[in-house]
Amino acid sequence: MNVAHAGFIIAAYAICIGVVGGLVLAIYLDHRRLKRELARLGDRRGSDA
């Protein structure tokens, strides 16, 4: 490996890890929000019947 390119390679990996981590976090937070909303809708539907 050429040492002159090591900084670029490390930066590229760091950016990729950050982007993938951000996507995982966004999916996790959306999942929590959807579960909470579905539970709320289920409670409301149960009280209507």
N, C-alpha and C. Protein backbone atom coordinates (compact mmCIF):
# COMPACT_ATOMS: atom_id res chain seq x y z
N MET A 1 0.85 -1.18 0.00
CA MET A 1 0.00 0.00 0.00
C MET A 1 0.89 1.23 0.00
N ASN A 2 0.52 2.18 -0.82
CA ASN A 2 1.25 3.43 -0.90
C ASN A 2 0.88 4.30 0.30
N VAL A 3 1.90 4.74 1.04
CA VAL A 3 1.67 5.50 2.26
C VAL A 3 1.03 6.86 1.94
N ALA A 4 1.27 7.38 0.77
CA ALA A 4 0.71 8.68 0.40
C ALA A 4 -0.82 8.63 0.32
N HIS A 5 -1.37 7.47 0.07
CA HIS A 5 -2.82 7.33 -0.06
C HIS A 5 -3.48 6.85 1.23
N ALA A 6 -2.71 6.60 2.26
CA ALA A 6 -3.26 6.05 3.50
C ALA A 6 -4.30 6.99 4.12
N GLY A 7 -4.05 8.28 4.10
CA GLY A 7 -4.99 9.24 4.67
C GLY A 7 -6.32 9.22 3.95
N PHE A 8 -6.27 9.14 2.63
CA PHE A 8 -7.50 9.07 1.84
C PHE A 8 -8.27 7.80 2.15
N ILE A 9 -7.57 6.69 2.25
CA ILE A 9 -8.22 5.41 2.51
C ILE A 9 -8.87 5.42 3.90
N ILE A 10 -8.16 5.92 4.89
CA ILE A 10 -8.70 5.99 6.25
C ILE A 10 -9.90 6.92 6.29
N ALA A 11 -9.82 8.06 5.61
CA ALA A 11 -10.94 9.00 5.58
C ALA A 11 -12.15 8.38 4.89
N ALA A 12 -11.93 7.65 3.81
CA ALA A 12 -13.04 7.01 3.09
C ALA A 12 -13.73 5.97 3.97
N TYR A 13 -12.95 5.17 4.68
CA TYR A 13 -13.55 4.20 5.59
C TYR A 13 -14.30 4.89 6.72
N ALA A 14 -13.75 5.96 7.27
CA ALA A 14 -14.40 6.69 8.36
C ALA A 14 -15.73 7.28 7.88
N ILE A 15 -15.74 7.85 6.70
CA ILE A 15 -16.99 8.42 6.17
C ILE A 15 -18.02 7.33 5.94
N CYS A 16 -17.60 6.21 5.39
CA CYS A 16 -18.53 5.09 5.15
C CYS A 16 -19.10 4.57 6.46
N ILE A 17 -18.27 4.42 7.47
CA ILE A 17 -18.74 3.95 8.78
C ILE A 17 -19.72 4.96 9.36
N GLY A 18 -19.43 6.24 9.22
CA GLY A 18 -20.34 7.27 9.72
C GLY A 18 -21.68 7.25 9.01
N VAL A 19 -21.66 7.11 7.69
CA VAL A 19 -22.91 7.08 6.92
C VAL A 19 -23.73 5.85 7.27
N VAL A 20 -23.11 4.69 7.31
CA VAL A 20 -23.83 3.46 7.64
C VAL A 20 -24.35 3.53 9.08
N GLY A 21 -23.56 4.05 9.99
CA GLY A 21 -24.01 4.21 11.37
C GLY A 21 -25.21 5.15 11.46
N GLY A 22 -25.17 6.24 10.69
CA GLY A 22 -26.30 7.17 10.66
C GLY A 22 -27.55 6.53 10.11
N LEU A 23 -27.42 5.72 9.09
CA LEU A 23 -28.58 5.01 8.53
C LEU A 23 -29.16 4.02 9.53
N VAL A 24 -28.29 3.29 10.21
CA VAL A 24 -28.77 2.34 11.21
C VAL A 24 -29.50 3.08 12.33
N LEU A 25 -28.95 4.20 12.78
CA LEU A 25 -29.60 4.99 13.82
C LEU A 25 -30.95 5.52 13.35
N ALA A 26 -31.02 6.00 12.12
CA ALA A 26 -32.29 6.53 11.59
C ALA A 26 -33.33 5.42 11.51
N ILE A 27 -32.95 4.24 11.08
CA ILE A 27 -33.88 3.11 11.00
C ILE A 27 -34.35 2.70 12.39
N TYR A 28 -33.43 2.67 13.34
CA TYR A 28 -33.78 2.31 14.72
C TYR A 28 -34.77 3.31 15.31
N LEU A 29 -34.51 4.60 15.13
CA LEU A 29 -35.41 5.62 15.67
C LEU A 29 -36.78 5.58 14.99
N ASP A 30 -36.80 5.34 13.68
CA ASP A 30 -38.07 5.23 12.97
C ASP A 30 -38.85 4.00 13.44
N HIS A 31 -38.15 2.90 13.69
CA HIS A 31 -38.78 1.68 14.19
C HIS A 31 -39.44 1.94 15.54
N ARG A 32 -38.73 2.62 16.44
CA ARG A 32 -39.31 2.96 17.75
C ARG A 32 -40.54 3.83 17.60
N ARG A 33 -40.47 4.83 16.71
CA ARG A 33 -41.61 5.72 16.50
C ARG A 33 -42.81 4.97 15.95
N LEU A 34 -42.56 4.08 14.99
CA LEU A 34 -43.67 3.32 14.39
C LEU A 34 -44.30 2.36 15.40
N LYS A 35 -43.48 1.71 16.23
CA LYS A 35 -44.02 0.81 17.25
C LYS A 35 -44.90 1.58 18.23
N ARG A 36 -44.43 2.76 18.64
CA ARG A 36 -45.19 3.59 19.58
C ARG A 36 -46.52 4.03 18.95
N GLU A 37 -46.47 4.43 17.67
CA GLU A 37 -47.68 4.87 16.99
C GLU A 37 -48.66 3.71 16.78
N LEU A 38 -48.15 2.55 16.43
CA LEU A 38 -49.03 1.38 16.26
C LEU A 38 -49.67 0.98 17.58
N ALA A 39 -48.92 1.05 18.66
CA ALA A 39 -49.47 0.72 19.97
C ALA A 39 -50.57 1.72 20.33
N ARG A 40 -50.35 2.99 20.04
CA ARG A 40 -51.36 4.01 20.33
C ARG A 40 -52.62 3.76 19.50
N LEU A 41 -52.45 3.43 18.24
CA LEU A 41 -53.60 3.14 17.38
C LEU A 41 -54.34 1.89 17.84
N GLY A 42 -53.58 0.90 18.29
CA GLY A 42 -54.21 -0.32 18.79
C GLY A 42 -55.01 -0.05 20.04
N ASP A 43 -54.50 0.78 20.93
CA ASP A 43 -55.23 1.13 22.15
C ASP A 43 -56.51 1.89 21.81
N ARG A 44 -56.41 2.81 20.86
CA ARG A 44 -57.57 3.60 20.48
C ARG A 44 -58.63 2.71 19.81
N ARG A 45 -58.17 1.79 18.99
CA ARG A 45 -59.12 0.91 18.29
C ARG A 45 -59.81 0.00 19.29
N GLY A 46 -59.08 -0.48 20.29
CA GLY A 46 -59.69 -1.35 21.29
C GLY A 46 -60.75 -0.64 22.11
N SER A 47 -60.58 0.66 22.33
CA SER A 47 -61.57 1.39 23.11
C SER A 47 -62.80 1.76 22.27
N ASP A 48 -62.66 1.79 20.95
CA ASP A 48 -63.80 2.10 20.07
C ASP A 48 -64.79 0.94 19.96
N ALA A 49 -64.28 -0.27 20.07
CA ALA A 49 -65.13 -1.45 19.83
C ALA A 49 -66.01 -1.79 21.00
